[in-house]
Structure formats: structure tokens, C-alpha cells
Amino acid sequence: MKTTRRDFLRFSAIAGTGIFLRPFNAFGLASEAGKFLEKIGISTGIANSAILASAGYSFVEENVRGFLVPSEPEPVFEQKLTLLKESKLPVEACNSFLPGNLKCVGTTPLHEEILRFGESAFRRAQMAGVKTIVFGSGGARAIPEGFSREEAKKQFISICKQLAPFAQKYNVVISLEPLNTQECNFINSVAEGGEIVQAVNHENFRLLADIYHMLKENESPSNITKYGHLLFHTHIAEKTGRTAPGVNNDDFTPYFKALKDVKYEGRMAIECSWKNLEEQAANALNAMRNQLASV
């Protein structure tokens, strides 16, 4: 869908309300989970929905470019909607928002292209019932060598402020995902992500806590406590090898406790490497449930 300058100005005008500082569950855009980590899903293709449903999961987390195909014509996306009708589970989240060539920061940021891509993604997300778009996209947001970090931060906040009203138009929440330093050189902690979310200051631009990235960066669960009111979505995997919960028996309970303490009622997706999804899926969910029962 083509984004006009008039549309951009009209939707930008509704940003910056300041109301996000209250607990997010106060709004109609709450994740609809209702209870502490009641909705657990897996980041995988919709073709695996039957495996997930059989193992006891609640949703699929798909891929923006693979499922919503924002740059493709409508008939291509209609094929994805046909697959969705046959799915055993809903697709409630999509990750990998921007391709690496759509640079958010640097000497030639492609903000107009990102806005067009984003509106297409959000519109199709609404059509598919997707609640949140995960904004990791390390390649797109990485700061070029030698470029001012402060300027990059300003550029990133600017594009996020422009994207948020379009997400609001289609009733979708953007969830900013901090990534570990091996994957990106910008926004590497829940604390950094929380500061960006506060600067963007829009209810459709929220925070994601990925326990795998937190473990990789030795980030304290206390940052979940501090920024928990900004959370909309979460991810999880074990630290070594990004394996599924239960493979190495990593202890997630400090992070689960922090999420429970902030009354988090959103979703959690396992985003990991699988040796055999069909064989491992149920065990991973059981491992999580056992730890959750202890907090």
C-alpha cells in the first residue's frame, strides 16, 4: 500500500501521548493472554502448527518476510492466508521485521522505504490476526563503523516514532527486541530497549525481553523488574547453543519470577535451534511449565 505524505503527517500527529507509563494491561491492546505465561508458542513456520497444537502450545510465531511478505503482491499474501485457514493454531506474532538492506541508521537511512514496508506489514498482520511484530532486525539497525552512536540513536527513535502510528492504525504492537552483542552493536539489553521505548512514547511501540539474549549478556532479571511495565512480548531459549528449554536444563526461574512480579500477562515464544521439533516440542513445554510452577 502506498504511503502518502498526508497520511504520514496525519498518523504521526497522534503519537506521543505519554500514557504508556501506566501498566500496559490497562489498555485494550493488552496481549489477551489473561494469566501469567498462559500463552506459550514457538517461533517456526505455520506448516508446523499441528505439531505445536499436539504438544500443547497456544500460538505460532511466524516470520514477517516469510509469512506477511510485505514486499510481495496481494496474491502471494493470499496464499499465506489460505495456509492460515488450515492451521491448527493462530499466528499471533511475527519476527524478523526488516531486511538488512532497509537501514534504520547511518549516513543514508531509508526511512521512507521503511514506512512503506512497515505499513504493508502491519496491514497484513491485522488481516492475519497477528498481534505483535518483533523488531529485532540486527542488520537493519546496526550502527555503521565510525558513525556517531548518539546520532544513530536519534535516527532510530525517529523512525520508530513514525512507525508506531501506522501500527496503531492496524491495531498491531511493535515489540522492540534487544539483541546480544554478537548479533548487533545497538540495543543489547532490556535496559537499553526500555530507554528507547520510553523515548518513542507510544502505546503501540513496546518492549520485548528475550531470556536467551539476557543470558548471553549476563543481564540481571532486575531489568525486567524495572522495565516490566513496558513489556508486550517475550522470547526464550537456553544460553549454550540456543537450545530448547530442558536440553541443558538452564535455570530460568529468576527471570520467570521477575516477570511474575511485574504481573506480566503477555505471550512467550521459544525461539531456538531444534534437532527435531516433533520429538522435542512437548519436552520443552514441560520443562518450562515445571519451572514456572516453582515461582
Protein backbone atom coordinates (compact mmCIF):
# COMPACT_ATOMS: atom_id res chain seq x y z
CA MET A 1 0.00 0.00 0.00
CA LYS A 2 1.35 3.40 -0.95
CA THR A 3 2.04 5.77 1.94
CA THR A 4 1.39 9.43 1.14
CA ARG A 5 2.93 12.40 2.86
CA ARG A 6 -0.56 13.42 4.02
CA ASP A 7 -1.12 10.00 5.58
CA PHE A 8 2.26 10.18 7.28
CA LEU A 9 1.55 13.56 8.83
CA ARG A 10 -1.94 12.58 9.89
CA PHE A 11 -0.86 9.44 11.67
CA SER A 12 2.29 10.97 13.14
CA ALA A 13 0.14 13.61 14.81
CA ILE A 14 -1.36 11.07 17.20
CA ALA A 15 1.98 9.92 18.61
CA GLY A 16 3.49 10.99 21.93
CA THR A 17 0.53 10.72 24.29
CA GLY A 18 2.67 9.79 27.31
CA ILE A 19 0.14 7.28 28.62
CA PHE A 20 2.45 4.30 28.17
CA LEU A 21 3.97 4.78 31.61
CA ARG A 22 0.95 3.10 33.18
CA PRO A 23 0.83 -0.72 33.23
CA PHE A 24 0.12 -1.92 29.72
CA ASN A 25 -2.76 -4.18 30.74
CA ALA A 26 -4.81 -1.03 31.30
CA PHE A 27 -5.30 -0.77 27.56
CA GLY A 28 -7.45 -2.65 25.09
CA LEU A 29 -4.29 -3.64 23.21
CA ALA A 30 -3.24 -5.99 26.03
CA SER A 31 -1.91 -9.32 24.82
CA GLU A 32 -5.15 -11.14 25.65
CA ALA A 33 -3.29 -13.92 27.44
CA GLY A 34 -5.03 -13.12 30.72
CA LYS A 35 -2.83 -15.17 33.05
CA PHE A 36 0.86 -15.41 33.80
CA LEU A 37 2.51 -17.10 30.78
CA GLU A 38 -0.66 -18.91 29.87
CA LYS A 39 0.15 -18.48 26.18
CA ILE A 40 3.40 -20.14 25.11
CA GLY A 41 4.28 -20.61 21.45
CA ILE A 42 7.17 -21.46 19.18
CA SER A 43 8.93 -19.44 16.51
CA THR A 44 8.53 -21.66 13.48
CA GLY A 45 6.66 -21.97 10.20
CA ILE A 46 2.90 -22.28 10.12
CA ALA A 47 3.36 -25.67 8.46
CA ASN A 48 4.37 -26.98 11.90
CA SER A 49 1.18 -25.81 13.63
CA ALA A 50 -0.19 -29.33 14.06
CA ILE A 51 2.98 -30.39 15.89
CA LEU A 52 2.68 -27.39 18.21
CA ALA A 53 -1.00 -27.92 18.85
CA SER A 54 -0.46 -31.58 19.70
CA ALA A 55 2.31 -30.65 22.15
CA GLY A 56 0.08 -28.14 23.97
CA TYR A 57 1.24 -24.77 22.61
CA SER A 58 -1.08 -21.81 22.09
CA PHE A 59 0.25 -20.00 19.04
CA VAL A 60 2.79 -19.84 16.25
CA GLU A 61 5.33 -17.04 15.87
CA GLU A 62 5.99 -16.69 12.16
CA ASN A 63 8.37 -14.54 10.12
CA VAL A 64 7.37 -11.15 8.73
CA ARG A 65 9.09 -11.56 5.39
CA GLY A 66 8.20 -15.24 5.03
CA PHE A 67 4.56 -15.05 6.16
CA LEU A 68 3.35 -11.47 5.73
CA VAL A 69 5.54 -10.96 2.63
CA PRO A 70 5.20 -7.13 2.78
CA SER A 71 7.08 -6.55 -0.47
CA GLU A 72 5.11 -9.10 -2.49
CA PRO A 73 1.84 -8.52 -4.38
CA GLU A 74 -1.51 -9.38 -2.80
CA PRO A 75 -1.93 -12.82 -4.46
CA VAL A 76 1.24 -14.04 -2.76
CA PHE A 77 -0.08 -12.98 0.65
CA GLU A 78 -3.49 -14.51 -0.12
CA GLN A 79 -1.74 -17.87 -0.43
CA LYS A 80 -0.42 -17.39 3.11
CA LEU A 81 -3.94 -16.63 4.35
CA THR A 82 -5.10 -19.89 2.78
CA LEU A 83 -2.46 -21.73 4.78
CA LEU A 84 -3.60 -19.87 7.89
CA LYS A 85 -7.16 -21.16 7.45
CA GLU A 86 -5.77 -24.69 7.54
CA SER A 87 -3.55 -24.03 10.56
CA LYS A 88 -4.21 -25.76 13.87
CA LEU A 89 -3.08 -22.66 15.78
CA PRO A 90 -3.28 -18.89 15.27
CA VAL A 91 -0.26 -16.86 14.20
CA GLU A 92 -0.15 -14.23 16.93
CA ALA A 93 3.38 -12.87 16.44
CA CYS A 94 5.84 -12.37 13.61
CA ASN A 95 9.57 -11.74 13.96
CA SER A 96 12.43 -10.60 11.69
CA PHE A 97 10.69 -7.34 10.82
CA LEU A 98 13.07 -5.51 8.48
CA PRO A 99 15.50 -6.91 5.92
CA GLY A 100 19.10 -5.89 6.44
CA ASN A 101 19.16 -3.59 3.43
CA LEU A 102 16.49 -1.27 4.92
CA LYS A 103 18.90 0.69 7.09
CA CYS A 104 17.40 2.49 10.10
CA VAL A 105 20.58 4.40 10.95
CA GLY A 106 23.73 5.69 9.32
CA THR A 107 24.66 8.16 6.59
CA THR A 108 21.75 7.17 4.32
CA PRO A 109 18.88 5.81 6.46
CA LEU A 110 15.97 4.57 4.35
CA HIS A 111 13.12 5.84 6.48
CA GLU A 112 10.57 6.41 3.71
CA GLU A 113 11.14 2.88 2.39
CA ILE A 114 10.82 1.50 5.93
CA LEU A 115 7.49 3.30 6.40
CA ARG A 116 6.09 1.81 3.20
CA PHE A 117 7.35 -1.65 4.12
CA GLY A 118 6.05 -1.26 7.68
CA GLU A 119 2.55 -0.19 6.72
CA SER A 120 2.25 -3.14 4.34
CA ALA A 121 3.41 -5.49 7.12
CA PHE A 122 1.04 -4.02 9.71
CA ARG A 123 -1.96 -4.08 7.37
CA ARG A 124 -1.38 -7.73 6.54
CA ALA A 125 -0.70 -8.54 10.18
CA GLN A 126 -4.15 -7.25 11.08
CA MET A 127 -5.70 -9.35 8.30
CA ALA A 128 -3.93 -12.45 9.61
CA GLY A 129 -4.75 -11.84 13.28
CA VAL A 130 -1.13 -11.13 14.23
CA LYS A 131 -0.94 -9.14 17.47
CA THR A 132 2.71 -8.11 17.51
CA ILE A 133 5.61 -7.55 15.14
CA VAL A 134 9.00 -8.25 16.71
CA PHE A 135 11.56 -5.57 15.87
CA GLY A 136 14.92 -7.29 16.19
CA SER A 137 16.38 -6.77 12.72
CA GLY A 138 20.02 -6.52 13.77
CA GLY A 139 21.24 -5.94 10.23
CA ALA A 140 18.86 -3.04 9.65
CA ARG A 141 19.55 -1.24 12.90
CA ALA A 142 23.29 -1.91 13.30
CA ILE A 143 25.40 1.23 13.64
CA PRO A 144 27.97 1.55 10.84
CA GLU A 145 31.62 1.66 11.92
CA GLY A 146 32.69 5.18 12.73
CA PHE A 147 29.18 6.58 12.77
CA SER A 148 28.04 8.58 15.80
CA ARG A 149 26.22 6.37 18.30
CA GLU A 150 24.24 9.33 19.60
CA GLU A 151 23.13 10.29 16.10
CA ALA A 152 22.18 6.68 15.36
CA LYS A 153 20.05 6.60 18.49
CA LYS A 154 18.25 9.77 17.39
CA GLN A 155 17.66 8.32 13.93
CA PHE A 156 16.32 5.07 15.34
CA ILE A 157 13.96 6.80 17.76
CA SER A 158 12.76 8.98 14.89
CA ILE A 159 11.83 6.08 12.61
CA CYS A 160 10.19 4.22 15.49
CA LYS A 161 8.09 7.29 16.30
CA GLN A 162 6.98 7.33 12.68
CA LEU A 163 6.22 3.60 12.56
CA ALA A 164 4.19 3.46 15.77
CA PRO A 165 1.12 5.38 14.49
CA PHE A 166 0.91 3.08 11.47
CA ALA A 167 0.99 0.09 13.79
CA GLN A 168 -1.78 1.73 15.80
CA LYS A 169 -3.84 2.22 12.65
CA TYR A 170 -3.87 -1.56 12.16
CA ASN A 171 -4.11 -2.48 15.85
CA VAL A 172 -0.66 -4.07 15.91
CA VAL A 173 2.04 -3.63 18.56
CA ILE A 174 5.71 -3.35 17.63
CA SER A 175 7.83 -5.20 20.20
CA LEU A 176 11.43 -3.94 20.30
CA GLU A 177 13.84 -6.83 20.83
CA PRO A 178 17.26 -6.22 22.41
CA LEU A 179 19.89 -8.49 20.82
CA ASN A 180 23.16 -9.76 22.25
CA THR A 181 26.40 -8.07 21.16
CA GLN A 182 27.40 -10.98 18.91
CA GLU A 183 24.33 -10.30 16.76
CA CYS A 184 24.12 -6.49 16.78
CA ASN A 185 26.04 -3.49 18.15
CA PHE A 186 22.97 -1.48 19.15
CA ILE A 187 20.29 -2.06 21.83
CA ASN A 188 21.85 -5.01 23.61
CA SER A 189 19.88 -5.11 26.84
CA VAL A 190 16.37 -4.81 28.19
CA ALA A 191 17.55 -1.64 29.90
CA GLU A 192 18.67 -0.07 26.60
CA GLY A 193 15.50 -1.21 24.91
CA GLY A 194 13.41 0.22 27.73
CA GLU A 195 15.04 3.62 27.30
CA ILE A 196 14.24 3.58 23.58
CA VAL A 197 10.62 2.62 24.25
CA GLN A 198 10.31 5.43 26.76
CA ALA A 199 11.73 7.88 24.22
CA VAL A 200 9.34 6.73 21.49
CA ASN A 201 6.50 7.08 23.98
CA HIS A 202 3.69 5.35 22.09
CA GLU A 203 1.38 2.58 23.28
CA ASN A 204 1.87 0.60 20.05
CA PHE A 205 5.65 0.55 20.48
CA ARG A 206 6.58 -1.73 23.35
CA LEU A 207 9.43 -3.82 24.72
CA LEU A 208 10.43 -7.46 24.34
CA ALA A 209 12.54 -9.38 26.84
CA ASP A 210 14.41 -12.33 25.32
CA ILE A 211 15.82 -14.50 28.10
CA TYR A 212 18.35 -16.05 25.71
CA HIS A 213 19.86 -12.66 24.88
CA MET A 214 19.74 -11.67 28.54
CA LEU A 215 21.67 -14.82 29.47
CA LYS A 216 24.22 -14.19 26.71
CA GLU A 217 24.82 -10.66 28.04
CA ASN A 218 24.67 -11.69 31.72
CA GLU A 219 21.84 -9.20 32.12
CA SER A 220 20.15 -9.24 35.50
CA PRO A 221 16.46 -10.15 35.87
CA SER A 222 16.20 -6.87 37.79
CA ASN A 223 15.93 -5.08 34.44
CA ILE A 224 12.70 -6.97 33.82
CA THR A 225 11.52 -5.67 37.16
CA LYS A 226 12.50 -2.11 36.22
CA TYR A 227 11.07 -2.10 32.71
CA GLY A 228 8.39 -4.76 33.03
CA HIS A 229 5.56 -2.26 32.66
CA LEU A 230 6.74 -1.71 29.09
CA LEU A 231 6.75 -5.39 28.06
CA PHE A 232 4.40 -6.78 25.45
CA HIS A 233 6.18 -9.95 24.30
CA THR A 234 8.95 -12.34 25.41
CA HIS A 235 11.28 -14.95 23.92
CA ILE A 236 13.23 -17.79 25.48
CA ALA A 237 16.00 -20.30 24.71
CA GLU A 238 18.91 -21.79 26.59
CA LYS A 239 22.24 -19.95 26.57
CA THR A 240 24.60 -22.56 25.11
CA GLY A 241 23.75 -23.40 21.53
CA ARG A 242 20.43 -21.57 21.77
CA THR A 243 18.82 -24.90 22.58
CA ALA A 244 15.24 -25.52 23.62
CA PRO A 245 14.27 -25.40 27.31
CA GLY A 246 15.11 -28.69 29.00
CA VAL A 247 18.03 -29.67 26.76
CA ASN A 248 20.76 -28.31 29.06
CA ASN A 249 18.38 -27.68 31.95
CA ASP A 250 19.15 -23.95 32.19
CA ASP A 251 17.53 -22.33 35.21
CA PHE A 252 15.10 -19.65 34.02
CA THR A 253 13.33 -19.21 37.35
CA PRO A 254 14.94 -15.84 38.28
CA TYR A 255 13.61 -14.40 35.01
CA PHE A 256 10.22 -16.08 35.39
CA LYS A 257 9.96 -14.71 38.91
CA ALA A 258 10.75 -11.19 37.68
CA LEU A 259 8.05 -11.50 35.01
CA LYS A 260 5.56 -12.74 37.56
CA ASP A 261 6.46 -9.94 39.97
CA VAL A 262 5.63 -7.31 37.31
CA LYS A 263 2.36 -9.15 36.58
CA TYR A 264 3.32 -9.91 33.01
CA GLU A 265 0.35 -11.40 31.16
CA GLY A 266 1.77 -11.48 27.64
CA ARG A 267 2.98 -14.25 25.42
CA MET A 268 6.29 -16.12 25.35
CA ALA A 269 7.73 -17.76 22.25
CA ILE A 270 10.50 -20.33 22.24
CA GLU A 271 12.97 -19.06 19.63
CA CYS A 272 15.71 -21.65 19.44
CA SER A 273 17.54 -24.31 17.46
CA TRP A 274 15.74 -27.65 17.22
CA LYS A 275 17.25 -31.02 16.44
CA ASN A 276 13.80 -32.48 15.91
CA LEU A 277 10.84 -30.23 16.60
CA GLU A 278 8.27 -33.02 16.70
CA GLU A 279 10.28 -35.00 19.25
CA GLN A 280 11.38 -32.03 21.38
CA ALA A 281 8.36 -29.71 21.44
CA ALA A 282 6.41 -31.36 24.26
CA ASN A 283 9.51 -31.80 26.42
CA ALA A 284 10.43 -28.13 26.04
CA LEU A 285 6.96 -27.02 27.14
CA ASN A 286 7.01 -29.41 30.10
CA ALA A 287 10.42 -28.09 31.17
CA MET A 288 9.08 -24.55 31.12
CA ARG A 289 5.89 -25.45 32.95
CA ASN A 290 7.86 -27.23 35.69
CA GLN A 291 9.99 -24.15 36.31
CA LEU A 292 7.00 -21.83 36.13
CA ALA A 293 5.25 -23.89 38.78
CA SER A 294 8.08 -23.15 41.21
CA VAL A 295 7.88 -19.33 41.05
